[in-house]
Amino acid sequence: MEKKILIVDDEPNIVMSLEYAFKKKGFEVFIGRDGSEALEILKNKIPNIVLLDIMMPNVDGYQTLKHIKKTESLEATKVVFLTAKNKASDIERGLKLGADKYLTKPFSVKKIVSEIMELLP
């Protein structure tokens, strides 16, 4: 199975380290620097996983997730929040909106990769 991931984060260092790690695991990697960029990419690409930050310019992670959940072609796409927002209320909100996992920063790239691999069929 072809593995595709969309990484959505406005911090270049995070994006670079994750992109490198997922490419090493054989993923095709798409990058969005904010929610609106992610939504543009999702018009043409159907990733297996969207790794999504919450606090971003223009369209935040919550709004992006709502859009993904409303889009029929993306119904099989798993969404994982990766964010510095680590309060119980933030986590609850993210999961209620339909995120498959909620991971917090700072993070270990190795852990993120193994969490993502678990979500794949």
PDB file of N, CA and C in Angstrom:
ATOM      1  N   MET A   1       0.846  -1.195   0.000  1.00  0.00           N
ATOM      2  CA  MET A   1       0.000   0.000   0.000  1.00  0.00           C
ATOM      3  C   MET A   1       0.886   1.251   0.000  1.00  0.00           C
ATOM      4  N   GLU A   2       0.477   2.195  -0.795  1.00  0.00           N
ATOM      5  CA  GLU A   2       1.216   3.447  -0.809  1.00  0.00           C
ATOM      6  C   GLU A   2       0.863   4.248   0.432  1.00  0.00           C
ATOM      7  N   LYS A   3       1.877   4.768   1.098  1.00  0.00           N
ATOM      8  CA  LYS A   3       1.625   5.522   2.319  1.00  0.00           C
ATOM      9  C   LYS A   3       1.844   7.004   2.026  1.00  0.00           C
ATOM     10  N   LYS A   4       0.819   7.796   2.343  1.00  0.00           N
ATOM     11  CA  LYS A   4       0.928   9.238   2.104  1.00  0.00           C
ATOM     12  C   LYS A   4       0.578   9.970   3.389  1.00  0.00           C
ATOM     13  N   ILE A   5       1.365  10.995   3.690  1.00  0.00           N
ATOM     14  CA  ILE A   5       1.099  11.786   4.890  1.00  0.00           C
ATOM     15  C   ILE A   5       1.169  13.261   4.537  1.00  0.00           C
ATOM     16  N   LEU A   6       0.240  14.020   5.103  1.00  0.00           N
ATOM     17  CA  LEU A   6       0.269  15.477   4.980  1.00  0.00           C
ATOM     18  C   LEU A   6       0.671  16.022   6.339  1.00  0.00           C
ATOM     19  N   ILE A   7       1.788  16.747   6.382  1.00  0.00           N
ATOM     20  CA  ILE A   7       2.263  17.353   7.632  1.00  0.00           C
ATOM     21  C   ILE A   7       1.909  18.833   7.581  1.00  0.00           C
ATOM     22  N   VAL A   8       1.133  19.277   8.564  1.00  0.00           N
ATOM     23  CA  VAL A   8       0.681  20.665   8.580  1.00  0.00           C
ATOM     24  C   VAL A   8       1.194  21.330   9.850  1.00  0.00           C
ATOM     25  N   ASP A   9       2.185  22.208   9.682  1.00  0.00           N
ATOM     26  CA  ASP A   9       2.770  22.898  10.829  1.00  0.00           C
ATOM     27  C   ASP A   9       3.469  24.150  10.320  1.00  0.00           C
ATOM     28  N   ASP A  10       3.452  25.195  11.122  1.00  0.00           N
ATOM     29  CA  ASP A  10       4.085  26.444  10.670  1.00  0.00           C
ATOM     30  C   ASP A  10       5.521  26.587  11.186  1.00  0.00           C
ATOM     31  N   GLU A  11       6.048  25.544  11.816  1.00  0.00           N
ATOM     32  CA  GLU A  11       7.439  25.596  12.292  1.00  0.00           C
ATOM     33  C   GLU A  11       8.330  24.757  11.372  1.00  0.00           C
ATOM     34  N   PRO A  12       9.182  25.422  10.567  1.00  0.00           N
ATOM     35  CA  PRO A  12       9.994  24.712   9.566  1.00  0.00           C
ATOM     36  C   PRO A  12      10.841  23.591  10.142  1.00  0.00           C
ATOM     37  N   ASN A  13      11.405  23.758  11.337  1.00  0.00           N
ATOM     38  CA  ASN A  13      12.268  22.712  11.908  1.00  0.00           C
ATOM     39  C   ASN A  13      11.491  21.438  12.181  1.00  0.00           C
ATOM     40  N   ILE A  14      10.273  21.597  12.667  1.00  0.00           N
ATOM     41  CA  ILE A  14       9.426  20.439  12.953  1.00  0.00           C
ATOM     42  C   ILE A  14       9.092  19.731  11.640  1.00  0.00           C
ATOM     43  N   VAL A  15       8.686  20.529  10.650  1.00  0.00           N
ATOM     44  CA  VAL A  15       8.310  19.970   9.358  1.00  0.00           C
ATOM     45  C   VAL A  15       9.488  19.199   8.753  1.00  0.00           C
ATOM     46  N   MET A  16      10.680  19.800   8.802  1.00  0.00           N
ATOM     47  CA  MET A  16      11.847  19.164   8.191  1.00  0.00           C
ATOM     48  C   MET A  16      12.182  17.838   8.861  1.00  0.00           C
ATOM     49  N   SER A  17      12.185  17.804  10.186  1.00  0.00           N
ATOM     50  CA  SER A  17      12.566  16.561  10.865  1.00  0.00           C
ATOM     51  C   SER A  17      11.517  15.466  10.631  1.00  0.00           C
ATOM     52  N   LEU A  18      10.247  15.837  10.630  1.00  0.00           N
ATOM     53  CA  LEU A  18       9.198  14.844  10.391  1.00  0.00           C
ATOM     54  C   LEU A  18       9.207  14.370   8.938  1.00  0.00           C
ATOM     55  N   GLU A  19       9.392  15.311   8.020  1.00  0.00           N
ATOM     56  CA  GLU A  19       9.416  14.953   6.598  1.00  0.00           C
ATOM     57  C   GLU A  19      10.519  13.922   6.342  1.00  0.00           C
ATOM     58  N   TYR A  20      11.691  14.195   6.887  1.00  0.00           N
ATOM     59  CA  TYR A  20      12.838  13.294   6.721  1.00  0.00           C
ATOM     60  C   TYR A  20      12.510  11.896   7.271  1.00  0.00           C
ATOM     61  N   ALA A  21      11.965  11.856   8.484  1.00  0.00           N
ATOM     62  CA  ALA A  21      11.668  10.577   9.140  1.00  0.00           C
ATOM     63  C   ALA A  21      10.634   9.768   8.355  1.00  0.00           C
ATOM     64  N   PHE A  22       9.589  10.440   7.866  1.00  0.00           N
ATOM     65  CA  PHE A  22       8.537   9.709   7.148  1.00  0.00           C
ATOM     66  C   PHE A  22       8.996   9.276   5.757  1.00  0.00           C
ATOM     67  N   LYS A  23       9.824  10.084   5.111  1.00  0.00           N
ATOM     68  CA  LYS A  23      10.352   9.675   3.801  1.00  0.00           C
ATOM     69  C   LYS A  23      11.223   8.421   3.963  1.00  0.00           C
ATOM     70  N   LYS A  24      11.987   8.372   5.061  1.00  0.00           N
ATOM     71  CA  LYS A  24      12.816   7.188   5.331  1.00  0.00           C
ATOM     72  C   LYS A  24      11.958   5.935   5.501  1.00  0.00           C
ATOM     73  N   LYS A  25      10.729   6.123   5.976  1.00  0.00           N
ATOM     74  CA  LYS A  25       9.810   4.990   6.180  1.00  0.00           C
ATOM     75  C   LYS A  25       9.004   4.691   4.911  1.00  0.00           C
ATOM     76  N   GLY A  26       9.323   5.393   3.826  1.00  0.00           N
ATOM     77  CA  GLY A  26       8.666   5.089   2.552  1.00  0.00           C
ATOM     78  C   GLY A  26       7.379   5.848   2.294  1.00  0.00           C
ATOM     79  N   PHE A  27       7.133   6.910   3.058  1.00  0.00           N
ATOM     80  CA  PHE A  27       5.937   7.713   2.836  1.00  0.00           C
ATOM     81  C   PHE A  27       6.155   8.724   1.715  1.00  0.00           C
ATOM     82  N   GLU A  28       5.073   9.027   1.000  1.00  0.00           N
ATOM     83  CA  GLU A  28       5.062  10.219   0.159  1.00  0.00           C
ATOM     84  C   GLU A  28       4.599  11.337   1.094  1.00  0.00           C
ATOM     85  N   VAL A  29       5.358  12.431   1.165  1.00  0.00           N
ATOM     86  CA  VAL A  29       5.088  13.476   2.161  1.00  0.00           C
ATOM     87  C   VAL A  29       4.631  14.757   1.475  1.00  0.00           C
ATOM     88  N   PHE A  30       3.513  15.289   1.946  1.00  0.00           N
ATOM     89  CA  PHE A  30       3.044  16.606   1.510  1.00  0.00           C
ATOM     90  C   PHE A  30       3.176  17.552   2.698  1.00  0.00           C
ATOM     91  N   ILE A  31       3.439  18.824   2.410  1.00  0.00           N
ATOM     92  CA  ILE A  31       3.650  19.801   3.478  1.00  0.00           C
ATOM     93  C   ILE A  31       2.684  20.972   3.330  1.00  0.00           C
ATOM     94  N   GLY A  32       2.028  21.323   4.422  1.00  0.00           N
ATOM     95  CA  GLY A  32       1.214  22.533   4.463  1.00  0.00           C
ATOM     96  C   GLY A  32       1.712  23.381   5.620  1.00  0.00           C
ATOM     97  N   ARG A  33       1.893  24.672   5.388  1.00  0.00           N
ATOM     98  CA  ARG A  33       2.403  25.532   6.469  1.00  0.00           C
ATOM     99  C   ARG A  33       1.299  26.143   7.319  1.00  0.00           C
ATOM    100  N   ASP A  34       0.058  25.975   6.878  1.00  0.00           N
ATOM    101  CA  ASP A  34      -1.076  26.378   7.719  1.00  0.00           C
ATOM    102  C   ASP A  34      -2.320  25.652   7.200  1.00  0.00           C
ATOM    103  N   GLY A  35      -3.428  25.873   7.874  1.00  0.00           N
ATOM    104  CA  GLY A  35      -4.647  25.145   7.524  1.00  0.00           C
ATOM    105  C   GLY A  35      -5.128  25.416   6.115  1.00  0.00           C
ATOM    106  N   SER A  36      -5.011  26.673   5.660  1.00  0.00           N
ATOM    107  CA  SER A  36      -5.532  26.973   4.323  1.00  0.00           C
ATOM    108  C   SER A  36      -4.685  26.285   3.255  1.00  0.00           C
ATOM    109  N   GLU A  37      -3.379  26.218   3.485  1.00  0.00           N
ATOM    110  CA  GLU A  37      -2.499  25.506   2.552  1.00  0.00           C
ATOM    111  C   GLU A  37      -2.843  24.002   2.559  1.00  0.00           C
ATOM    112  N   ALA A  38      -3.107  23.476   3.748  1.00  0.00           N
ATOM    113  CA  ALA A  38      -3.473  22.061   3.873  1.00  0.00           C
ATOM    114  C   ALA A  38      -4.752  21.773   3.082  1.00  0.00           C
ATOM    115  N   LEU A  39      -5.735  22.650   3.201  1.00  0.00           N
ATOM    116  CA  LEU A  39      -7.013  22.432   2.522  1.00  0.00           C
ATOM    117  C   LEU A  39      -6.837  22.480   1.006  1.00  0.00           C
ATOM    118  N   GLU A  40      -5.933  23.336   0.533  1.00  0.00           N
ATOM    119  CA  GLU A  40      -5.623  23.382  -0.907  1.00  0.00           C
ATOM    120  C   GLU A  40      -5.047  22.041  -1.366  1.00  0.00           C
ATOM    121  N   ILE A  41      -4.088  21.519  -0.605  1.00  0.00           N
ATOM    122  CA  ILE A  41      -3.445  20.248  -0.951  1.00  0.00           C
ATOM    123  C   ILE A  41      -4.477  19.123  -0.970  1.00  0.00           C
ATOM    124  N   LEU A  42      -5.403  19.158   0.009  1.00  0.00           N
ATOM    125  CA  LEU A  42      -6.383  18.079   0.151  1.00  0.00           C
ATOM    126  C   LEU A  42      -7.409  18.059  -0.982  1.00  0.00           C
ATOM    127  N   LYS A  43      -7.458  19.131  -1.784  1.00  0.00           N
ATOM    128  CA  LYS A  43      -8.355  19.126  -2.938  1.00  0.00           C
ATOM    129  C   LYS A  43      -7.876  18.120  -3.989  1.00  0.00           C
ATOM    130  N   ASN A  44      -6.559  17.906  -4.057  1.00  0.00           N
ATOM    131  CA  ASN A  44      -5.981  17.038  -5.091  1.00  0.00           C
ATOM    132  C   ASN A  44      -5.328  15.777  -4.567  1.00  0.00           C
ATOM    133  N   LYS A  45      -5.021  15.740  -3.283  1.00  0.00           N
ATOM    134  CA  LYS A  45      -4.299  14.605  -2.710  1.00  0.00           C
ATOM    135  C   LYS A  45      -5.136  13.986  -1.599  1.00  0.00           C
ATOM    136  N   ILE A  46      -5.091  12.669  -1.521  1.00  0.00           N
ATOM    137  CA  ILE A  46      -5.803  11.967  -0.451  1.00  0.00           C
ATOM    138  C   ILE A  46      -4.761  11.222   0.385  1.00  0.00           C
ATOM    139  N   PRO A  47      -4.271  11.831   1.461  1.00  0.00           N
ATOM    140  CA  PRO A  47      -3.288  11.134   2.292  1.00  0.00           C
ATOM    141  C   PRO A  47      -3.973  10.115   3.201  1.00  0.00           C
ATOM    142  N   ASN A  48      -3.174   9.146   3.673  1.00  0.00           N
ATOM    143  CA  ASN A  48      -3.689   8.196   4.666  1.00  0.00           C
ATOM    144  C   ASN A  48      -3.798   8.892   6.016  1.00  0.00           C
ATOM    145  N   ILE A  49      -2.863   9.813   6.236  1.00  0.00           N
ATOM    146  CA  ILE A  49      -2.738  10.472   7.541  1.00  0.00           C
ATOM    147  C   ILE A  49      -2.518  11.965   7.340  1.00  0.00           C
ATOM    148  N   VAL A  50      -3.169  12.757   8.192  1.00  0.00           N
ATOM    149  CA  VAL A  50      -2.849  14.185   8.273  1.00  0.00           C
ATOM    150  C   VAL A  50      -2.312  14.421   9.679  1.00  0.00           C
ATOM    151  N   LEU A  51      -1.084  14.927   9.746  1.00  0.00           N
ATOM    152  CA  LEU A  51      -0.468  15.283  11.024  1.00  0.00           C
ATOM    153  C   LEU A  51      -0.628  16.783  11.152  1.00  0.00           C
ATOM    154  N   LEU A  52      -1.385  17.224  12.156  1.00  0.00           N
ATOM    155  CA  LEU A  52      -1.921  18.570  12.150  1.00  0.00           C
ATOM    156  C   LEU A  52      -1.588  19.335  13.428  1.00  0.00           C
ATOM    157  N   ASP A  53      -0.986  20.495  13.265  1.00  0.00           N
ATOM    158  CA  ASP A  53      -0.781  21.404  14.395  1.00  0.00           C
ATOM    159  C   ASP A  53      -2.104  22.128  14.632  1.00  0.00           C
ATOM    160  N   ILE A  54      -2.312  22.661  15.821  1.00  0.00           N
ATOM    161  CA  ILE A  54      -3.548  23.398  16.081  1.00  0.00           C
ATOM    162  C   ILE A  54      -3.345  24.901  15.905  1.00  0.00           C
ATOM    163  N   MET A  55      -2.291  25.432  16.519  1.00  0.00           N
ATOM    164  CA  MET A  55      -2.096  26.883  16.479  1.00  0.00           C
ATOM    165  C   MET A  55      -1.302  27.271  15.240  1.00  0.00           C
ATOM    166  N   MET A  56      -2.040  27.753  14.225  1.00  0.00           N
ATOM    167  CA  MET A  56      -1.399  28.162  12.972  1.00  0.00           C
ATOM    168  C   MET A  56      -2.087  29.412  12.453  1.00  0.00           C
ATOM    169  N   PRO A  57      -1.378  30.166  11.612  1.00  0.00           N
ATOM    170  CA  PRO A  57      -2.006  31.346  11.011  1.00  0.00           C
ATOM    171  C   PRO A  57      -3.128  30.953  10.051  1.00  0.00           C
ATOM    172  N   ASN A  58      -3.986  31.888   9.713  1.00  0.00           N
ATOM    173  CA  ASN A  58      -5.095  31.740   8.756  1.00  0.00           C
ATOM    174  C   ASN A  58      -6.160  30.768   9.231  1.00  0.00           C
ATOM    175  N   VAL A  59      -5.974  29.485   8.978  1.00  0.00           N
ATOM    176  CA  VAL A  59      -6.968  28.486   9.371  1.00  0.00           C
ATOM    177  C   VAL A  59      -6.311  27.572  10.398  1.00  0.00           C
ATOM    178  N   ASP A  60      -6.879  27.481  11.608  1.00  0.00           N
ATOM    179  CA  ASP A  60      -6.219  26.662  12.631  1.00  0.00           C
ATOM    180  C   ASP A  60      -6.543  25.177  12.459  1.00  0.00           C
ATOM    181  N   GLY A  61      -5.906  24.359  13.302  1.00  0.00           N
ATOM    182  CA  GLY A  61      -6.055  22.915  13.184  1.00  0.00           C
ATOM    183  C   GLY A  61      -7.476  22.422  13.420  1.00  0.00           C
ATOM    184  N   TYR A  62      -8.196  23.061  14.344  1.00  0.00           N
ATOM    185  CA  TYR A  62      -9.571  22.634  14.616  1.00  0.00           C
ATOM    186  C   TYR A  62     -10.444  22.827  13.368  1.00  0.00           C
ATOM    187  N   GLN A  63     -10.307  24.002  12.737  1.00  0.00           N
ATOM    188  CA  GLN A  63     -11.105  24.292  11.537  1.00  0.00           C
ATOM    189  C   GLN A  63     -10.727  23.341  10.399  1.00  0.00           C
ATOM    190  N   THR A  64      -9.437  23.060  10.296  1.00  0.00           N
ATOM    191  CA  THR A  64      -8.960  22.157   9.255  1.00  0.00           C
ATOM    192  C   THR A  64      -9.560  20.767   9.450  1.00  0.00           C
ATOM    193  N   LEU A  65      -9.557  20.299  10.703  1.00  0.00           N
ATOM    194  CA  LEU A  65     -10.123  18.987  11.005  1.00  0.00           C
ATOM    195  C   LEU A  65     -11.609  18.939  10.667  1.00  0.00           C
ATOM    196  N   LYS A  66     -12.350  19.997  11.022  1.00  0.00           N
ATOM    197  CA  LYS A  66     -13.788  20.032  10.723  1.00  0.00           C
ATOM    198  C   LYS A  66     -14.009  19.874   9.224  1.00  0.00           C
ATOM    199  N   HIS A  67     -13.190  20.561   8.442  1.00  0.00           N
ATOM    200  CA  HIS A  67     -13.312  20.492   6.988  1.00  0.00           C
ATOM    201  C   HIS A  67     -13.016  19.070   6.482  1.00  0.00           C
ATOM    202  N   ILE A  68     -11.969  18.463   7.016  1.00  0.00           N
ATOM    203  CA  ILE A  68     -11.603  17.099   6.603  1.00  0.00           C
ATOM    204  C   ILE A  68     -12.759  16.143   6.895  1.00  0.00           C
ATOM    205  N   LYS A  69     -13.354  16.285   8.074  1.00  0.00           N
ATOM    206  CA  LYS A  69     -14.435  15.376   8.485  1.00  0.00           C
ATOM    207  C   LYS A  69     -15.680  15.543   7.608  1.00  0.00           C
ATOM    208  N   LYS A  70     -15.851  16.729   7.012  1.00  0.00           N
ATOM    209  CA  LYS A  70     -17.025  16.983   6.165  1.00  0.00           C
ATOM    210  C   LYS A  70     -16.792  16.543   4.720  1.00  0.00           C
ATOM    211  N   THR A  71     -15.557  16.195   4.379  1.00  0.00           N
ATOM    212  CA  THR A  71     -15.210  15.905   2.984  1.00  0.00           C
ATOM    213  C   THR A  71     -15.251  14.405   2.740  1.00  0.00           C
ATOM    214  N   GLU A  72     -16.167  13.998   1.864  1.00  0.00           N
ATOM    215  CA  GLU A  72     -16.404  12.577   1.641  1.00  0.00           C
ATOM    216  C   GLU A  72     -15.158  11.826   1.191  1.00  0.00           C
ATOM    217  N   SER A  73     -14.391  12.432   0.284  1.00  0.00           N
ATOM    218  CA  SER A  73     -13.210  11.744  -0.264  1.00  0.00           C
ATOM    219  C   SER A  73     -12.137  11.510   0.805  1.00  0.00           C
ATOM    220  N   LEU A  74     -12.266  12.200   1.944  1.00  0.00           N
ATOM    221  CA  LEU A  74     -11.252  12.080   3.001  1.00  0.00           C
ATOM    222  C   LEU A  74     -11.735  11.240   4.181  1.00  0.00           C
ATOM    223  N   GLU A  75     -12.861  10.537   4.000  1.00  0.00           N
ATOM    224  CA  GLU A  75     -13.430   9.850   5.165  1.00  0.00           C
ATOM    225  C   GLU A  75     -12.524   8.754   5.721  1.00  0.00           C
ATOM    226  N   ALA A  76     -11.632   8.203   4.898  1.00  0.00           N
ATOM    227  CA  ALA A  76     -10.724   7.158   5.402  1.00  0.00           C
ATOM    228  C   ALA A  76      -9.424   7.750   5.948  1.00  0.00           C
ATOM    229  N   THR A  77      -9.251   9.041   5.784  1.00  0.00           N
ATOM    230  CA  THR A  77      -8.012   9.694   6.223  1.00  0.00           C
ATOM    231  C   THR A  77      -8.001   9.840   7.743  1.00  0.00           C
ATOM    232  N   LYS A  78      -6.914   9.398   8.356  1.00  0.00           N
ATOM    233  CA  LYS A  78      -6.753   9.546   9.808  1.00  0.00           C
ATOM    234  C   LYS A  78      -6.153  10.919  10.098  1.00  0.00           C
ATOM    235  N   VAL A  79      -6.597  11.535  11.179  1.00  0.00           N
ATOM    236  CA  VAL A  79      -6.060  12.843  11.554  1.00  0.00           C
ATOM    237  C   VAL A  79      -5.432  12.747  12.940  1.00  0.00           C
ATOM    238  N   VAL A  80      -4.187  13.211  13.028  1.00  0.00           N
ATOM    239  CA  VAL A  80      -3.467  13.195  14.292  1.00  0.00           C
ATOM    240  C   VAL A  80      -3.056  14.620  14.616  1.00  0.00           C
ATOM    241  N   PHE A  81      -3.491  15.120  15.756  1.00  0.00           N
ATOM    242  CA  PHE A  81      -3.022  16.432  16.200  1.00  0.00           C
ATOM    243  C   PHE A  81      -1.638  16.292  16.804  1.00  0.00           C
ATOM    244  N   LEU A  82      -0.764  17.224  16.453  1.00  0.00           N
ATOM    245  CA  LEU A  82       0.557  17.320  17.065  1.00  0.00           C
ATOM    246  C   LEU A  82       0.707  18.776  17.467  1.00  0.00           C
ATOM    247  N   THR A  83       0.601  19.051  18.763  1.00  0.00           N
ATOM    248  CA  THR A  83       0.460  20.435  19.189  1.00  0.00           C
ATOM    249  C   THR A  83       1.063  20.685  20.563  1.00  0.00           C
ATOM    250  N   ALA A  84       1.345  21.943  20.822  1.00  0.00           N
ATOM    251  CA  ALA A  84       1.818  22.330  22.146  1.00  0.00           C
ATOM    252  C   ALA A  84       0.649  22.504  23.120  1.00  0.00           C
ATOM    253  N   LYS A  85      -0.579  22.501  22.599  1.00  0.00           N
ATOM    254  CA  LYS A  85      -1.760  22.660  23.469  1.00  0.00           C
ATOM    255  C   LYS A  85      -2.003  21.345  24.202  1.00  0.00           C
ATOM    256  N   ASN A  86      -1.615  21.301  25.484  1.00  0.00           N
ATOM    257  CA  ASN A  86      -1.663  20.014  26.178  1.00  0.00           C
ATOM    258  C   ASN A  86      -2.602  19.996  27.376  1.00  0.00           C
ATOM    259  N   LYS A  87      -3.513  20.965  27.463  1.00  0.00           N
ATOM    260  CA  LYS A  87      -4.502  20.931  28.546  1.00  0.00           C
ATOM    261  C   LYS A  87      -5.534  19.852  28.240  1.00  0.00           C
ATOM    262  N   ALA A  88      -6.088  19.275  29.298  1.00  0.00           N
ATOM    263  CA  ALA A  88      -7.099  18.230  29.120  1.00  0.00           C
ATOM    264  C   ALA A  88      -8.250  18.730  28.238  1.00  0.00           C
ATOM    265  N   SER A  89      -8.644  19.988  28.410  1.00  0.00           N
ATOM    266  CA  SER A  89      -9.762  20.526  27.626  1.00  0.00           C
ATOM    267  C   SER A  89      -9.417  20.612  26.141  1.00  0.00           C
ATOM    268  N   ASP A  90      -8.160  20.936  25.821  1.00  0.00           N
ATOM    269  CA  ASP A  90      -7.730  20.981  24.414  1.00  0.00           C
ATOM    270  C   ASP A  90      -7.773  19.583  23.809  1.00  0.00           C
ATOM    271  N   ILE A  91      -7.258  18.620  24.575  1.00  0.00           N
ATOM    272  CA  ILE A  91      -7.195  17.238  24.100  1.00  0.00           C
ATOM    273  C   ILE A  91      -8.610  16.713  23.860  1.00  0.00           C
ATOM    274  N   GLU A  92      -9.482  16.990  24.821  1.00  0.00           N
ATOM    275  CA  GLU A  92     -10.871  16.540  24.719  1.00  0.00           C
ATOM    276  C   GLU A  92     -11.535  17.151  23.481  1.00  0.00           C
ATOM    277  N   ARG A  93     -11.300  18.441  23.276  1.00  0.00           N
ATOM    278  CA  ARG A  93     -11.897  19.119  22.117  1.00  0.00           C
ATOM    279  C   ARG A  93     -11.402  18.493  20.810  1.00  0.00           C
ATOM    280  N   GLY A  94     -10.106  18.239  20.735  1.00  0.00           N
ATOM    281  CA  GLY A  94      -9.525  17.652  19.534  1.00  0.00           C
ATOM    282  C   GLY A  94     -10.110  16.283  19.222  1.00  0.00           C
ATOM    283  N   LEU A  95     -10.248  15.450  20.257  1.00  0.00           N
ATOM    284  CA  LEU A  95     -10.774  14.101  20.058  1.00  0.00           C
ATOM    285  C   LEU A  95     -12.269  14.134  19.748  1.00  0.00           C
ATOM    286  N   LYS A  96     -12.985  15.079  20.375  1.00  0.00           N
ATOM    287  CA  LYS A  96     -14.424  15.219  20.106  1.00  0.00           C
ATOM    288  C   LYS A  96     -14.674  15.602  18.656  1.00  0.00           C
ATOM    289  N   LEU A  97     -13.787  16.432  18.113  1.00  0.00           N
ATOM    290  CA  LEU A  97     -13.938  16.860  16.717  1.00  0.00           C
ATOM    291  C   LEU A  97     -13.618  15.722  15.751  1.00  0.00           C
ATOM    292  N   GLY A  98     -13.021  14.654  16.268  1.00  0.00           N
ATOM    293  CA  GLY A  98     -12.802  13.493  15.416  1.00  0.00           C
ATOM    294  C   GLY A  98     -11.354  13.131  15.150  1.00  0.00           C
ATOM    295  N   ALA A  99     -10.417  13.744  15.879  1.00  0.00           N
ATOM    296  CA  ALA A  99      -9.010  13.361  15.685  1.00  0.00           C
ATOM    297  C   ALA A  99      -8.817  11.914  16.130  1.00  0.00           C
ATOM    298  N   ASP A 100      -7.967  11.191  15.421  1.00  0.00           N
ATOM    299  CA  ASP A 100      -7.712   9.790  15.763  1.00  0.00           C
ATOM    300  C   ASP A 100      -6.697   9.662  16.895  1.00  0.00           C
ATOM    301  N   LYS A 101      -5.796  10.625  16.974  1.00  0.00           N
ATOM    302  CA  LYS A 101      -4.832  10.672  18.072  1.00  0.00           C
ATOM    303  C   LYS A 101      -4.530  12.126  18.382  1.00  0.00           C
ATOM    304  N   TYR A 102      -4.029  12.348  19.593  1.00  0.00           N
ATOM    305  CA  TYR A 102      -3.666  13.694  20.019  1.00  0.00           C
ATOM    306  C   TYR A 102      -2.300  13.596  20.677  1.00  0.00           C
ATOM    307  N   LEU A 103      -1.274  14.093  19.998  1.00  0.00           N
ATOM    308  CA  LEU A 103       0.097  14.015  20.512  1.00  0.00           C
ATOM    309  C   LEU A 103       0.587  15.423  20.835  1.00  0.00           C
ATOM    310  N   THR A 104       1.394  15.530  21.878  1.00  0.00           N
ATOM    311  CA  THR A 104       1.805  16.869  22.297  1.00  0.00           C
ATOM    312  C   THR A 104       3.297  17.115  22.064  1.00  0.00           C
ATOM    313  N   LYS A 105       3.612  18.381  21.837  1.00  0.00           N
ATOM    314  CA  LYS A 105       5.001  18.838  21.703  1.00  0.00           C
ATOM    315  C   LYS A 105       5.490  19.192  23.099  1.00  0.00           C
ATOM    316  N   PRO A 106       6.760  19.112  23.390  1.00  0.00           N
ATOM    317  CA  PRO A 106       7.815  18.569  22.525  1.00  0.00           C
ATOM    318  C   PRO A 106       7.642  17.068  22.364  1.00  0.00           C
ATOM    319  N   PHE A 107       8.207  16.521  21.286  1.00  0.00           N
ATOM    320  CA  PHE A 107       7.970  15.124  20.961  1.00  0.00           C
ATOM    321  C   PHE A 107       9.255  14.471  20.476  1.00  0.00           C
ATOM    322  N   SER A 108       9.247  13.153  20.483  1.00  0.00           N
ATOM    323  CA  SER A 108      10.363  12.434  19.873  1.00  0.00           C
ATOM    324  C   SER A 108       9.880  11.980  18.495  1.00  0.00           C
ATOM    325  N   VAL A 109      10.672  12.238  17.480  1.00  0.00           N
ATOM    326  CA  VAL A 109      10.297  11.885  16.106  1.00  0.00           C
ATOM    327  C   VAL A 109      10.019  10.386  16.022  1.00  0.00           C
ATOM    328  N   LYS A 110      10.842   9.605  16.700  1.00  0.00           N
ATOM    329  CA  LYS A 110      10.682   8.152  16.693  1.00  0.00           C
ATOM    330  C   LYS A 110       9.302   7.751  17.220  1.00  0.00           C
ATOM    331  N   LYS A 111       8.883   8.410  18.303  1.00  0.00           N
ATOM    332  CA  LYS A 111       7.576   8.101  18.892  1.00  0.00           C
ATOM    333  C   LYS A 111       6.449   8.488  17.928  1.00  0.00           C
ATOM    334  N   ILE A 112       6.575   9.656  17.318  1.00  0.00           N
ATOM    335  CA  ILE A 112       5.550  10.106  16.366  1.00  0.00           C
ATOM    336  C   ILE A 112       5.424   9.080  15.236  1.00  0.00           C
ATOM    337  N   VAL A 113       6.554   8.673  14.681  1.00  0.00           N
ATOM    338  CA  VAL A 113       6.532   7.719  13.573  1.00  0.00           C
ATOM    339  C   VAL A 113       5.853   6.423  14.011  1.00  0.00           C
ATOM    340  N   SER A 114       6.181   5.922  15.200  1.00  0.00           N
ATOM    341  CA  SER A 114       5.568   4.650  15.610  1.00  0.00           C
ATOM    342  C   SER A 114       4.085   4.827  15.887  1.00  0.00           C
ATOM    343  N   GLU A 115       3.665   5.974  16.443  1.00  0.00           N
ATOM    344  CA  GLU A 115       2.231   6.238  16.657  1.00  0.00           C
ATOM    345  C   GLU A 115       1.486   6.264  15.317  1.00  0.00           C
ATOM    346  N   ILE A 116       2.093   6.888  14.323  1.00  0.00           N
ATOM    347  CA  ILE A 116       1.466   6.990  12.999  1.00  0.00           C
ATOM    348  C   ILE A 116       1.385   5.605  12.349  1.00  0.00           C
ATOM    349  N   MET A 117       2.449   4.823  12.455  1.00  0.00           N
ATOM    350  CA  MET A 117       2.471   3.494  11.843  1.00  0.00           C
ATOM    351  C   MET A 117       1.344   2.615  12.417  1.00  0.00           C
ATOM    352  N   GLU A 118       1.037   2.821  13.699  1.00  0.00           N
ATOM    353  CA  GLU A 118      -0.037   2.042  14.345  1.00  0.00           C
ATOM    354  C   GLU A 118      -1.406   2.307  13.705  1.00  0.00           C
ATOM    355  N   LEU A 119      -1.588   3.517  13.177  1.00  0.00           N
ATOM    356  CA  LEU A 119      -2.880   3.887  12.619  1.00  0.00           C
ATOM    357  C   LEU A 119      -3.097   3.328  11.211  1.00  0.00           C
ATOM    358  N   LEU A 120      -2.021   2.899  10.584  1.00  0.00           N
ATOM    359  CA  LEU A 120      -2.153   2.421   9.207  1.00  0.00           C
ATOM    360  C   LEU A 120      -2.618   0.980   9.185  1.00  0.00           C
ATOM    361  N   PRO A 121      -3.435   0.641   8.193  1.00  0.00           N
ATOM    362  CA  PRO A 121      -3.936  -0.749   8.097  1.00  0.00           C
ATOM    363  C   PRO A 121      -2.807  -1.731   7.850  1.00  0.00           C
TER     364      PRO A 121
END
